[in-house]
Amino acid sequence: MQYIVLDLEWNQPTSYSSPAYKAVGGKLMFELIQIGAVKVDEYLNVVDSFSHFIRPVYYTKLNPRIRRITHIEQEDLEDAPEFCEAMETFSEWCGEDYVLLTWGCDDISVLYQNMTFFKCETQLKPMYDLQRLYGELNGNSKDRKGLKAAMEQMNICPDEDSRPFHNAVNDAYYTALIFSTFPEPEKVLNYPLAPRKLQHIEKKKECQIIVKVKNTQDGMQSAAAMTPNCPSCGKKLELSEGYVKQRDGSMVALCECPQHGLVFSRIRFSKNEEGKAIMIRGTQLSEEQSKAYISTKMLQWRQKLALQEQ
């Protein structure tokens, strides 16, 4: 049996009010544009690789953020095969006796939504989660570290000049390097993956949490304030600049999710029924997600912070 480490890249609508998204709705949240994989032998050495672009049918225009993150260009996709043909080629490359490994559950969910939507008849072997095994080996199975952070912790140095991140085959290769350090790699078979349902969270919807705090200063220095979660995927985010006080007394900051773009974090302080201080933190996706808008918004935010500090 061979291990095949898989990674995927996908495009998404430039706007959830676009004709392309309205045509398919939640049936196709993301459209795959690249399959990358590496084969790992019994000694956990990479022995072969696979990389195919996929020509999108619905989200034909690359989202600016996807282009920026992946460095995939529109012309890379123009002559590429469509999804089902690419999947058939990938299946043939995999062979017969293998299992699939990925870093986390996102890839399998996007993959199977694409397979269902396009009525792809290709049959794949079971898929297992290396991210969960990594967390288990580090004493916390719920530790969902990103690929780059895991490499840093394992002292694995990437070659970002020749193998930049967010390229499917490169990320598969880096994932295989992490896998090769595991003392009992077969334990990954204890972590089977199943696709989860993908759904769009309305951008105007605010995801809210309530935290008990000692006082305002304690709340503003808390992890809930400093590392807000993306309202779409739940990923913890780093503040781009800082909080700016609003006229209504709330505090607002900006973050950027690698997958879902610009996020607003808003904090308000109040008291609960017992008279204890609480902090209410809400996060909300921006209506506009273009690179130019994000850059302009960040610049405006820095100017606001500078005025606030004067």
Protein backbone atom coordinates (compact mmCIF):
# COMPACT_ATOMS: atom_id res chain seq x y z
CA MET A 1 0.00 0.00 0.00
CA GLN A 2 1.20 3.50 -0.85
CA TYR A 3 0.48 6.74 0.91
CA ILE A 4 -0.57 9.56 -1.41
CA VAL A 5 -0.50 13.04 0.11
CA LEU A 6 -3.06 15.28 -1.57
CA ASP A 7 -3.51 19.03 -1.65
CA LEU A 8 -5.96 21.16 -3.61
CA GLU A 9 -6.37 24.76 -4.66
CA TRP A 10 -9.73 26.27 -5.53
CA ASN A 11 -11.34 29.41 -6.85
CA GLN A 12 -14.39 31.12 -5.39
CA PRO A 13 -16.85 33.72 -6.65
CA THR A 14 -15.62 37.30 -6.80
CA SER A 15 -18.92 38.20 -5.16
CA TYR A 16 -21.75 36.20 -3.62
CA SER A 17 -24.14 38.43 -5.53
CA SER A 18 -22.47 37.60 -8.86
CA PRO A 19 -24.40 35.82 -11.64
CA ALA A 20 -21.93 32.90 -11.42
CA TYR A 21 -22.71 32.25 -7.76
CA LYS A 22 -26.44 32.82 -8.19
CA ALA A 23 -26.44 30.18 -10.95
CA VAL A 24 -25.19 27.42 -8.61
CA GLY A 25 -25.70 28.79 -5.11
CA GLY A 26 -24.43 26.66 -2.26
CA LYS A 27 -24.16 23.59 -4.49
CA LEU A 28 -20.68 24.72 -5.56
CA MET A 29 -19.10 26.98 -2.96
CA PHE A 30 -15.58 26.59 -4.37
CA GLU A 31 -14.44 25.33 -7.77
CA LEU A 32 -11.22 23.32 -7.90
CA ILE A 33 -8.43 24.74 -10.08
CA GLN A 34 -5.42 22.57 -9.13
CA ILE A 35 -4.75 19.05 -7.91
CA GLY A 36 -1.34 18.38 -6.37
CA ALA A 37 -0.12 15.14 -4.83
CA VAL A 38 3.01 13.15 -3.97
CA LYS A 39 3.53 9.42 -3.55
CA VAL A 40 5.38 8.25 -0.44
CA ASP A 41 7.08 4.85 -0.33
CA GLU A 42 7.42 2.45 2.63
CA TYR A 43 10.44 4.41 3.88
CA LEU A 44 8.41 7.65 3.76
CA ASN A 45 10.41 9.05 0.86
CA VAL A 46 8.69 11.06 -1.86
CA VAL A 47 9.00 8.98 -5.05
CA ASP A 48 6.62 10.68 -7.49
CA SER A 49 4.48 13.80 -7.86
CA PHE A 50 1.34 14.92 -9.66
CA SER A 51 0.26 18.45 -10.56
CA HIS A 52 -2.68 19.37 -12.80
CA PHE A 53 -4.49 22.63 -13.31
CA ILE A 54 -8.25 22.46 -13.81
CA ARG A 55 -10.24 24.78 -16.04
CA PRO A 56 -13.18 26.22 -14.05
CA VAL A 57 -16.62 26.15 -15.63
CA TYR A 58 -18.59 28.46 -13.31
CA TYR A 59 -16.11 30.66 -11.45
CA THR A 60 -14.12 31.30 -14.60
CA LYS A 61 -12.58 34.58 -13.42
CA LEU A 62 -9.95 34.12 -10.76
CA ASN A 63 -10.81 35.80 -7.49
CA PRO A 64 -8.09 38.48 -6.93
CA ARG A 65 -7.29 37.08 -3.49
CA ILE A 66 -6.89 33.55 -4.88
CA ARG A 67 -4.53 34.82 -7.57
CA ARG A 68 -2.52 36.70 -4.97
CA ILE A 69 -2.23 33.75 -2.59
CA THR A 70 -1.62 30.94 -5.10
CA HIS A 71 0.19 32.88 -7.86
CA ILE A 72 -2.00 31.00 -10.33
CA GLU A 73 -2.77 33.13 -13.38
CA GLN A 74 -5.79 33.09 -15.65
CA GLU A 75 -3.73 31.75 -18.56
CA ASP A 76 -2.62 28.74 -16.48
CA LEU A 77 -6.23 27.50 -16.55
CA GLU A 78 -7.28 28.30 -20.11
CA ASP A 79 -6.07 25.06 -21.75
CA ALA A 80 -6.40 22.86 -18.66
CA PRO A 81 -8.86 19.92 -18.59
CA GLU A 82 -12.19 20.29 -16.84
CA PHE A 83 -12.75 18.72 -13.43
CA CYS A 84 -13.93 15.18 -14.28
CA GLU A 85 -11.16 14.66 -16.85
CA ALA A 86 -8.53 15.86 -14.38
CA MET A 87 -9.92 13.54 -11.70
CA GLU A 88 -9.76 10.55 -14.04
CA THR A 89 -6.11 11.34 -14.82
CA PHE A 90 -5.37 11.68 -11.11
CA SER A 91 -7.06 8.35 -10.32
CA GLU A 92 -4.98 6.58 -12.97
CA TRP A 93 -1.81 8.09 -11.51
CA CYS A 94 -2.77 6.90 -8.00
CA GLY A 95 -2.96 3.24 -9.09
CA GLU A 96 -4.82 0.58 -7.13
CA ASP A 97 -3.34 0.07 -3.66
CA TYR A 98 -3.19 3.40 -1.82
CA VAL A 99 -4.78 5.66 0.77
CA LEU A 100 -5.08 9.42 0.56
CA LEU A 101 -3.71 11.77 3.22
CA THR A 102 -4.46 15.46 3.59
CA TRP A 103 -3.72 18.23 6.08
CA GLY A 104 -7.10 18.89 7.68
CA CYS A 105 -10.68 18.46 6.49
CA ASP A 106 -11.05 21.34 4.02
CA ASP A 107 -9.71 19.49 0.98
CA ILE A 108 -12.01 16.48 1.25
CA SER A 109 -15.05 18.70 1.71
CA VAL A 110 -14.31 20.84 -1.35
CA LEU A 111 -13.29 17.78 -3.38
CA TYR A 112 -16.47 15.84 -2.72
CA GLN A 113 -18.70 18.85 -3.29
CA ASN A 114 -17.06 19.25 -6.72
CA MET A 115 -17.42 15.51 -7.42
CA THR A 116 -21.11 15.60 -6.51
CA PHE A 117 -21.84 18.78 -8.42
CA PHE A 118 -20.11 17.67 -11.63
CA LYS A 119 -21.42 14.08 -11.27
CA CYS A 120 -17.87 12.75 -11.38
CA GLU A 121 -17.85 8.94 -11.43
CA THR A 122 -14.17 8.57 -10.43
CA GLN A 123 -13.80 6.38 -7.35
CA LEU A 124 -11.18 7.33 -4.78
CA LYS A 125 -9.77 5.39 -1.84
CA PRO A 126 -10.42 6.54 1.76
CA MET A 127 -8.84 9.74 3.01
CA TYR A 128 -7.13 10.35 6.37
CA ASP A 129 -6.20 13.44 8.37
CA LEU A 130 -2.49 14.09 9.01
CA GLN A 131 -3.29 17.28 10.89
CA ARG A 132 -5.15 15.39 13.61
CA LEU A 133 -2.33 12.85 13.96
CA TYR A 134 0.14 15.72 14.24
CA GLY A 135 -1.93 17.24 17.04
CA GLU A 136 -2.12 13.87 18.82
CA LEU A 137 1.65 13.46 18.67
CA ASN A 138 2.02 16.91 20.20
CA GLY A 139 -0.33 16.11 23.06
CA ASN A 140 -3.46 17.79 21.74
CA SER A 141 -5.58 16.15 19.05
CA LYS A 142 -7.59 19.38 18.75
CA ASP A 143 -4.47 21.38 17.85
CA ARG A 144 -5.26 22.43 14.26
CA LYS A 145 -1.94 24.02 13.34
CA GLY A 146 -1.47 25.28 9.81
CA LEU A 147 1.04 23.59 7.54
CA LYS A 148 3.63 26.36 7.77
CA ALA A 149 3.39 26.56 11.57
CA ALA A 150 3.76 22.78 11.87
CA MET A 151 6.89 22.86 9.69
CA GLU A 152 8.40 25.56 11.89
CA GLN A 153 7.67 23.51 15.01
CA MET A 154 9.27 20.43 13.39
CA ASN A 155 12.31 22.50 12.26
CA ILE A 156 11.58 21.71 8.60
CA CYS A 157 12.86 24.56 6.43
CA PRO A 158 10.82 25.30 3.29
CA ASP A 159 12.46 26.30 0.03
CA GLU A 160 10.10 29.14 -0.79
CA ASP A 161 12.12 30.21 -3.83
CA SER A 162 11.60 26.97 -5.74
CA ARG A 163 8.64 25.59 -3.75
CA PRO A 164 6.39 28.47 -2.65
CA PHE A 165 3.46 27.73 -0.34
CA HIS A 166 -0.16 27.67 -1.61
CA ASN A 167 0.79 25.67 -4.67
CA ALA A 168 -0.99 22.31 -4.46
CA VAL A 169 1.95 20.03 -5.29
CA ASN A 170 4.35 22.05 -3.13
CA ASP A 171 2.03 21.94 -0.13
CA ALA A 172 1.57 18.20 -0.67
CA TYR A 173 5.38 17.82 -0.69
CA TYR A 174 5.77 19.81 2.54
CA THR A 175 2.99 17.78 4.16
CA ALA A 176 4.85 14.59 3.19
CA LEU A 177 8.01 15.96 4.86
CA ILE A 178 6.07 16.36 8.12
CA PHE A 179 4.61 12.89 7.69
CA SER A 180 8.11 11.43 7.30
CA THR A 181 9.01 12.58 10.85
CA PHE A 182 6.18 10.63 12.52
CA PRO A 183 7.46 7.66 14.55
CA GLU A 184 4.42 5.49 13.75
CA PRO A 185 3.03 6.84 10.49
CA GLU A 186 0.49 4.03 10.16
CA LYS A 187 -1.44 5.63 13.04
CA VAL A 188 -2.82 8.12 10.53
CA LEU A 189 -5.30 5.36 9.63
CA ASN A 190 -6.94 6.04 13.01
CA TYR A 191 -8.10 9.43 11.70
CA PRO A 192 -10.46 8.85 8.75
CA LEU A 193 -11.97 11.88 7.10
CA ALA A 194 -15.53 12.49 5.97
CA PRO A 195 -16.63 15.52 3.95
CA ARG A 196 -18.57 18.18 5.81
CA LYS A 197 -21.34 20.25 4.28
CA LEU A 198 -20.10 23.55 2.88
CA GLN A 199 -22.34 26.57 3.18
CA HIS A 200 -22.07 30.27 2.69
CA ILE A 201 -22.39 32.49 5.75
CA GLU A 202 -24.08 35.74 4.85
CA LYS A 203 -21.52 38.51 5.05
CA LYS A 204 -23.83 40.75 7.05
CA LYS A 205 -24.26 38.08 9.67
CA GLU A 206 -22.12 38.67 12.74
CA CYS A 207 -20.69 35.75 14.70
CA GLN A 208 -20.72 36.73 18.35
CA ILE A 209 -19.11 35.49 21.57
CA ILE A 210 -19.49 36.77 25.14
CA VAL A 211 -16.53 36.64 27.53
CA LYS A 212 -16.41 37.48 31.25
CA VAL A 213 -13.66 40.03 31.97
CA LYS A 214 -12.25 41.84 34.99
CA ASN A 215 -12.36 45.23 33.30
CA THR A 216 -12.03 46.93 29.91
CA GLN A 217 -8.23 46.72 29.86
CA ASP A 218 -8.34 43.01 30.69
CA GLY A 219 -10.82 42.44 27.87
CA MET A 220 -8.82 44.36 25.27
CA GLN A 221 -5.70 42.33 26.10
CA SER A 222 -7.50 38.98 26.04
CA ALA A 223 -7.03 36.32 23.38
CA ALA A 224 -10.63 36.81 22.30
CA ALA A 225 -9.84 40.42 21.39
CA MET A 226 -6.33 39.94 20.02
CA THR A 227 -7.00 36.80 17.94
CA PRO A 228 -10.59 36.99 16.69
CA ASN A 229 -12.02 34.12 14.65
CA CYS A 230 -13.03 34.22 11.00
CA PRO A 231 -16.85 34.01 11.01
CA SER A 232 -16.76 31.66 8.03
CA CYS A 233 -14.11 29.05 8.87
CA GLY A 234 -13.36 29.75 12.55
CA LYS A 235 -9.62 30.24 11.99
CA LYS A 236 -7.90 32.44 14.58
CA LEU A 237 -6.67 35.66 12.97
CA GLU A 238 -4.03 38.21 13.84
CA LEU A 239 -4.99 41.88 14.03
CA SER A 240 -3.61 43.81 11.07
CA GLU A 241 -3.27 47.07 12.98
CA GLY A 242 -5.32 47.57 16.14
CA TYR A 243 -8.68 48.68 17.49
CA VAL A 244 -10.23 52.05 16.66
CA LYS A 245 -12.87 53.55 18.95
CA GLN A 246 -16.23 54.28 17.31
CA ARG A 247 -18.77 56.99 18.15
CA ASP A 248 -21.04 54.46 19.82
CA GLY A 249 -18.22 53.45 22.19
CA SER A 250 -17.45 50.13 20.51
CA MET A 251 -13.97 49.18 19.33
CA VAL A 252 -13.38 47.94 15.78
CA ALA A 253 -10.32 46.30 14.19
CA LEU A 254 -9.43 44.66 10.87
CA CYS A 255 -8.05 41.17 10.22
CA GLU A 256 -7.51 39.16 7.06
CA CYS A 257 -8.42 35.47 6.74
CA PRO A 258 -6.22 33.68 4.14
CA GLN A 259 -9.31 31.94 2.77
CA HIS A 260 -12.20 34.36 3.27
CA GLY A 261 -10.61 37.79 3.13
CA LEU A 262 -11.21 40.95 5.13
CA VAL A 263 -12.83 40.52 8.56
CA PHE A 264 -14.13 43.20 10.95
CA SER A 265 -13.83 42.51 14.68
CA ARG A 266 -16.08 44.64 16.90
CA ILE A 267 -15.92 44.77 20.72
CA ARG A 268 -18.47 46.16 23.15
CA PHE A 269 -18.41 46.07 26.95
CA SER A 270 -21.46 45.58 29.13
CA LYS A 271 -22.66 43.83 32.29
CA ASN A 272 -24.51 40.55 32.67
CA GLU A 273 -27.57 39.88 34.83
CA GLU A 274 -25.29 39.42 37.85
CA GLY A 275 -23.70 42.83 37.31
CA LYS A 276 -20.39 41.30 36.21
CA ALA A 277 -18.34 42.87 33.42
CA ILE A 278 -18.57 41.12 30.04
CA MET A 279 -17.02 41.69 26.65
CA ILE A 280 -19.10 41.03 23.53
CA ARG A 281 -16.95 40.39 20.47
CA GLY A 282 -18.46 40.03 17.03
CA THR A 283 -16.75 39.23 13.73
CA GLN A 284 -18.13 39.91 10.28
CA LEU A 285 -16.86 39.45 6.71
CA SER A 286 -16.45 42.57 4.61
CA GLU A 287 -18.81 43.16 1.70
CA GLU A 288 -15.85 43.98 -0.57
CA GLN A 289 -12.86 41.64 -0.86
CA SER A 290 -10.67 42.91 -3.72
CA LYS A 291 -6.95 43.37 -3.15
CA ALA A 292 -7.18 47.11 -3.87
CA TYR A 293 -10.02 47.56 -1.39
CA ILE A 294 -8.19 45.62 1.35
CA SER A 295 -4.99 47.64 0.81
CA THR A 296 -6.92 50.93 0.89
CA LYS A 297 -8.85 49.89 3.99
CA MET A 298 -5.64 48.94 5.83
CA LEU A 299 -4.08 52.30 4.94
CA GLN A 300 -7.16 54.16 6.19
CA TRP A 301 -7.03 52.12 9.38
CA ARG A 302 -3.41 53.06 10.06
CA GLN A 303 -4.33 56.72 9.61
CA LYS A 304 -7.25 56.36 12.04
CA LEU A 305 -4.97 54.72 14.61
CA ALA A 306 -2.41 57.49 14.24
CA LEU A 307 -5.07 60.14 14.86
CA GLN A 308 -6.42 58.19 17.83
CA GLU A 309 -2.96 58.09 19.44
CA GLN A 310 -2.39 61.85 19.12
